[in-house]
Amino acid sequence: MIYGYARVSTAARSRLKKLMAKLIAGDVVVIPAVGVPPGNIVRPYA
């Protein structure tokens, strides 16, 4: 849900989604992943 929407959103919104996803999923891996293109992060989570 959030991940798919983040891909369509801008980079700024994408980062906000990553932060919220980090809190929800509890994955610390999302922190370094913020610098990576949204597409790469959306796939594993989707």
Protein backbone atom coordinates (compact mmCIF):
# COMPACT_ATOMS: atom_id res chain seq x y z
CA MET A 1 0.00 0.00 0.00
CA ILE A 2 2.37 2.68 1.23
CA TYR A 3 5.29 1.24 -0.74
CA GLY A 4 3.46 1.23 -4.05
CA TYR A 5 2.30 4.81 -3.49
CA ALA A 6 5.79 5.92 -2.48
CA ARG A 7 7.15 4.85 -5.87
CA VAL A 8 4.75 7.18 -7.67
CA SER A 9 5.38 10.03 -5.26
CA THR A 10 8.34 12.38 -5.36
CA ALA A 11 11.69 11.60 -3.71
CA ALA A 12 10.74 13.73 -0.71
CA ARG A 13 7.47 11.86 -0.16
CA SER A 14 9.27 8.59 -0.79
CA ARG A 15 11.65 9.31 2.09
CA LEU A 16 8.75 10.10 4.41
CA LYS A 17 7.18 6.79 3.45
CA LYS A 18 10.47 5.03 4.20
CA LEU A 19 10.59 6.59 7.66
CA MET A 20 7.03 5.57 8.46
CA ALA A 21 7.59 2.12 6.98
CA LYS A 22 10.69 1.79 9.17
CA LEU A 23 8.64 2.46 12.28
CA ILE A 24 5.85 0.12 11.21
CA ALA A 25 8.03 -2.71 9.91
CA GLY A 26 10.69 -2.12 12.57
CA ASP A 27 13.40 -2.72 9.99
CA VAL A 28 16.61 -0.78 10.56
CA VAL A 29 17.62 -1.74 7.02
CA VAL A 30 15.33 1.00 5.70
CA ILE A 31 17.64 3.71 7.07
CA PRO A 32 20.54 3.17 4.62
CA ALA A 33 18.04 2.26 1.91
CA VAL A 34 16.69 5.83 1.91
CA GLY A 35 19.57 6.83 -0.37
CA VAL A 36 18.61 4.07 -2.81
CA PRO A 37 16.03 4.60 -5.57
CA PRO A 38 12.43 3.95 -4.38
CA GLY A 39 11.94 1.22 -7.00
CA ASN A 40 14.56 -0.99 -5.32
CA ILE A 41 12.89 -0.64 -1.93
CA VAL A 42 9.32 -1.05 -3.16
CA ARG A 43 9.96 -4.47 -4.71
CA PRO A 44 11.20 -6.46 -1.68
CA TYR A 45 8.51 -5.03 0.57
CA ALA A 46 5.72 -5.32 -1.99
